[in-house]
């Protein structure tokens, strides 16, 4: 592991450890927008139709979306880089499985996942590490398995660094990408694009939301 990789993982981990409780209190449920919820339901239908293989919720945070997938009949588990987030998820959803890990190096065998969900987690992966993450998606997905990514959409690539959130000192980078940029990176990793959905900002949102659905051939 390179020093730059270690730095990226460590700063993301420590930042979310610092804000975990406040983040969970600020976002107590799953996605509030009905379109987002319907896309998650469609993803659940796709992965369960393809067989009983488990599904990984990467960047599972407090575990609310993991629990929603479970309620939809998906054999799901959560992975998050923050031990504090994993602890909160285990406390809130004791029936479900959560563990600490990074999407750039998944501790999972090849071809064993029926699906991957990554909502607002790839936004913290630097551009030069995104191909590594998506290569891990392809490696761990079974043939026919789907990946659904959700992220704040940009009309052109942009970057934001935050040093404070919820009153806590953090060191967190956000990478805003276009839907086409994400889709091209997924196809470059050997996945097929199935669909792209973009909705305009709603309520307090300041950026459009994009969802890219891909599958392993």
Protein backbone atom coordinates (compact mmCIF):
# COMPACT_ATOMS: atom_id res chain seq x y z
CA UNK A 1 0.00 0.00 0.00
CA UNK A 2 1.41 3.35 -1.03
CA UNK A 3 1.72 6.26 1.37
CA UNK A 4 -0.87 8.22 -0.64
CA UNK A 5 -3.34 5.35 -0.34
CA UNK A 6 -2.72 5.06 3.39
CA UNK A 7 -3.26 8.80 3.80
CA UNK A 8 -6.53 8.74 1.85
CA UNK A 9 -7.91 5.83 3.84
CA UNK A 10 -6.76 7.19 7.19
CA UNK A 11 -8.15 10.70 6.76
CA UNK A 12 -11.51 9.39 5.57
CA UNK A 13 -11.66 6.92 8.46
CA UNK A 14 -10.70 9.44 11.14
CA UNK A 15 -13.08 12.09 9.76
CA UNK A 16 -16.09 9.79 9.85
CA UNK A 17 -15.09 8.45 13.25
CA UNK A 18 -15.23 12.04 14.50
CA UNK A 19 -18.68 12.84 13.07
CA UNK A 20 -20.33 9.40 13.25
CA UNK A 21 -22.85 10.14 16.02
CA UNK A 22 -23.81 13.54 14.62
CA UNK A 23 -24.08 12.14 11.10
CA UNK A 24 -26.37 9.34 12.27
CA UNK A 25 -28.56 11.84 14.14
CA UNK A 26 -28.72 14.16 11.10
CA UNK A 27 -29.69 11.33 8.72
CA UNK A 28 -31.79 8.98 10.85
CA UNK A 29 -33.46 7.08 8.02
CA UNK A 30 -32.77 5.93 4.50
CA UNK A 31 -32.94 8.19 1.44
CA UNK A 32 -35.81 10.66 1.93
CA UNK A 33 -36.61 11.15 -1.77
CA UNK A 34 -39.17 8.68 -3.18
CA UNK A 35 -37.27 8.27 -6.46
CA UNK A 36 -34.12 7.27 -4.59
CA UNK A 37 -36.10 4.72 -2.58
CA UNK A 38 -37.65 3.29 -5.74
CA UNK A 39 -34.23 2.87 -7.34
CA UNK A 40 -33.03 0.98 -4.26
CA UNK A 41 -36.14 -1.21 -4.49
CA UNK A 42 -35.47 -1.87 -8.18
CA UNK A 43 -31.88 -2.80 -7.31
CA UNK A 44 -33.18 -5.20 -4.66
CA UNK A 45 -35.45 -6.85 -7.21
CA UNK A 46 -32.61 -7.26 -9.69
CA UNK A 47 -30.16 -8.82 -7.25
CA UNK A 48 -32.66 -11.20 -5.68
CA UNK A 49 -33.83 -12.35 -9.12
CA UNK A 50 -30.25 -13.31 -9.98
CA UNK A 51 -29.90 -15.77 -7.09
CA UNK A 52 -29.16 -16.01 -3.37
CA UNK A 53 -25.64 -14.55 -3.43
CA UNK A 54 -24.98 -11.90 -0.75
CA UNK A 55 -24.98 -8.16 -1.46
CA UNK A 56 -22.46 -5.69 -0.07
CA UNK A 57 -23.50 -2.18 0.97
CA UNK A 58 -20.19 -0.34 0.63
CA UNK A 59 -19.99 2.78 2.75
CA UNK A 60 -22.91 1.57 4.85
CA UNK A 61 -22.57 4.26 7.52
CA UNK A 62 -25.18 3.90 10.28
CA UNK A 63 -26.69 0.96 8.40
CA UNK A 64 -30.08 2.41 7.48
CA UNK A 65 -29.95 1.50 3.79
CA UNK A 66 -28.50 -1.91 4.65
CA UNK A 67 -31.54 -2.49 6.84
CA UNK A 68 -33.87 -1.33 4.07
CA UNK A 69 -32.36 -3.85 1.66
CA UNK A 70 -32.73 -6.55 4.31
CA UNK A 71 -36.42 -5.65 4.70
CA UNK A 72 -36.75 -6.04 0.92
CA UNK A 73 -35.51 -9.61 1.15
CA UNK A 74 -31.89 -9.02 0.15
CA UNK A 75 -29.15 -11.07 1.90
CA UNK A 76 -27.08 -7.99 2.61
CA UNK A 77 -24.17 -6.96 4.80
CA UNK A 78 -22.51 -3.59 5.35
CA UNK A 79 -18.92 -2.46 4.94
CA UNK A 80 -17.62 0.90 6.12
CA UNK A 81 -14.16 2.36 6.56
CA UNK A 82 -15.10 3.96 9.89
CA UNK A 83 -15.08 1.73 12.99
CA UNK A 84 -17.31 4.27 14.75
CA UNK A 85 -19.90 4.02 11.97
CA UNK A 86 -19.75 0.22 12.07
CA UNK A 87 -20.31 0.28 15.84
CA UNK A 88 -23.37 2.50 15.43
CA UNK A 89 -24.74 0.26 12.67
CA UNK A 90 -24.28 -2.87 14.79
CA UNK A 91 -26.03 -1.21 17.72
CA UNK A 92 -28.96 0.01 15.62
CA UNK A 93 -29.34 -3.18 13.58
CA UNK A 94 -28.07 -6.09 15.68
CA UNK A 95 -29.55 -8.73 13.35
CA UNK A 96 -27.38 -7.59 10.46
CA UNK A 97 -23.68 -8.00 9.74
CA UNK A 98 -21.33 -5.01 9.45
CA UNK A 99 -17.56 -4.91 9.28
CA UNK A 100 -14.75 -2.42 8.75
CA UNK A 101 -13.21 -2.40 5.29
CA UNK A 102 -12.32 -0.39 2.21
CA UNK A 103 -13.85 -0.69 -1.24
CA UNK A 104 -10.34 -0.37 -2.69
CA UNK A 105 -9.36 -3.70 -1.12
CA UNK A 106 -12.34 -5.88 -0.30
CA UNK A 107 -11.70 -8.88 1.93
CA UNK A 108 -14.00 -11.04 -0.18
CA UNK A 109 -13.45 -13.98 -2.57
CA UNK A 110 -13.73 -13.53 -6.32
CA UNK A 111 -17.18 -13.72 -7.90
CA UNK A 112 -19.16 -14.17 -4.69
CA UNK A 113 -21.41 -11.08 -4.55
CA UNK A 114 -24.83 -10.87 -6.10
CA UNK A 115 -24.70 -7.10 -5.94
CA UNK A 116 -22.92 -4.01 -4.68
CA UNK A 117 -24.58 -0.83 -3.43
CA UNK A 118 -22.42 2.27 -3.02
CA UNK A 119 -24.47 5.33 -2.05
CA UNK A 120 -22.46 8.52 -1.53
CA UNK A 121 -19.30 6.59 -0.70
CA UNK A 122 -17.33 6.72 -3.95
CA UNK A 123 -17.37 10.52 -3.56
CA UNK A 124 -14.47 10.19 -1.12
CA UNK A 125 -12.31 8.06 -3.42
CA UNK A 126 -9.65 10.11 -5.26
CA UNK A 127 -9.67 9.91 -9.05
CA UNK A 128 -6.45 7.90 -9.19
CA UNK A 129 -7.91 5.26 -6.84
CA UNK A 130 -11.31 4.96 -8.50
CA UNK A 131 -10.14 2.35 -11.06
CA UNK A 132 -8.84 0.23 -8.17
CA UNK A 133 -12.22 0.38 -6.42
CA UNK A 134 -14.15 -0.46 -9.58
CA UNK A 135 -11.77 -3.32 -10.36
CA UNK A 136 -12.66 -4.67 -6.91
CA UNK A 137 -16.36 -4.33 -7.79
CA UNK A 138 -15.86 -6.47 -10.88
CA UNK A 139 -13.63 -8.99 -9.11
CA UNK A 140 -16.08 -9.66 -6.30
CA UNK A 141 -19.32 -9.58 -8.32
CA UNK A 142 -20.65 -12.85 -9.67
CA UNK A 143 -21.52 -12.92 -13.38
CA UNK A 144 -24.82 -11.13 -13.80
CA UNK A 145 -24.37 -9.28 -10.51
CA UNK A 146 -25.38 -5.60 -10.39
CA UNK A 147 -23.75 -2.54 -8.88
CA UNK A 148 -25.74 0.60 -8.07
CA UNK A 149 -23.84 3.81 -7.34
CA UNK A 150 -25.40 7.01 -6.06
CA UNK A 151 -23.53 10.31 -5.86
CA UNK A 152 -23.86 14.07 -6.07
CA UNK A 153 -23.75 14.93 -9.76
CA UNK A 154 -21.56 17.54 -11.39
CA UNK A 155 -21.66 19.10 -14.83
CA UNK A 156 -17.87 18.95 -14.79
CA UNK A 157 -15.42 17.32 -12.35
CA UNK A 158 -14.89 19.26 -9.14
CA UNK A 159 -13.24 18.80 -5.75
CA UNK A 160 -14.07 20.03 -2.26
CA UNK A 161 -12.05 19.77 0.94
CA UNK A 162 -13.81 20.10 4.30
CA UNK A 163 -11.96 20.82 7.54
CA UNK A 164 -15.05 21.02 9.78
CA UNK A 165 -18.46 19.39 9.95
CA UNK A 166 -21.01 19.20 12.76
CA UNK A 167 -18.59 21.23 14.87
CA UNK A 168 -15.80 18.61 14.56
CA UNK A 169 -12.40 19.07 12.99
CA UNK A 170 -12.07 16.76 9.98
CA UNK A 171 -9.85 16.27 6.95
CA UNK A 172 -12.23 15.03 4.27
CA UNK A 173 -12.17 15.30 0.50
CA UNK A 174 -15.20 15.15 -1.78
CA UNK A 175 -14.91 14.44 -5.50
CA UNK A 176 -17.87 15.56 -7.62
CA UNK A 177 -18.08 13.68 -10.91
CA UNK A 178 -20.32 13.63 -13.96
CA UNK A 179 -22.50 10.56 -14.50
CA UNK A 180 -20.65 9.89 -17.74
CA UNK A 181 -17.29 10.00 -15.95
CA UNK A 182 -18.45 7.41 -13.43
CA UNK A 183 -20.05 5.23 -16.10
CA UNK A 184 -16.88 5.29 -18.20
CA UNK A 185 -14.79 4.29 -15.19
CA UNK A 186 -17.13 1.37 -14.53
CA UNK A 187 -17.00 0.17 -18.13
CA UNK A 188 -13.23 0.59 -18.05
CA UNK A 189 -13.19 -1.88 -15.16
CA UNK A 190 -15.12 -4.42 -17.23
CA UNK A 191 -18.70 -3.71 -16.12
CA UNK A 192 -21.61 -2.97 -18.44
CA UNK A 193 -23.69 0.15 -17.96
CA UNK A 194 -27.38 -0.67 -17.55
CA UNK A 195 -28.92 2.70 -16.70
CA UNK A 196 -28.20 6.26 -15.62
CA UNK A 197 -30.68 8.40 -13.68
CA UNK A 198 -30.21 12.05 -12.73
CA UNK A 199 -32.66 14.05 -10.66
CA UNK A 200 -32.55 17.73 -9.83
CA UNK A 201 -31.81 18.99 -6.28
CA UNK A 202 -34.71 18.75 -3.86
CA UNK A 203 -35.24 20.63 -0.61
CA UNK A 204 -31.92 21.51 1.01
CA UNK A 205 -29.87 19.70 -1.64
CA UNK A 206 -27.52 21.93 -3.62
CA UNK A 207 -26.45 19.40 -6.26
CA UNK A 208 -28.29 17.04 -8.54
CA UNK A 209 -28.24 13.35 -7.60
CA UNK A 210 -27.02 10.75 -10.06
CA UNK A 211 -27.38 6.98 -10.04
CA UNK A 212 -25.50 4.62 -12.30
CA UNK A 213 -26.50 0.96 -12.53
CA UNK A 214 -23.98 -1.49 -13.98
CA UNK A 215 -23.62 -5.25 -14.17
CA UNK A 216 -20.84 -7.78 -14.52
CA UNK A 217 -21.21 -9.67 -17.81
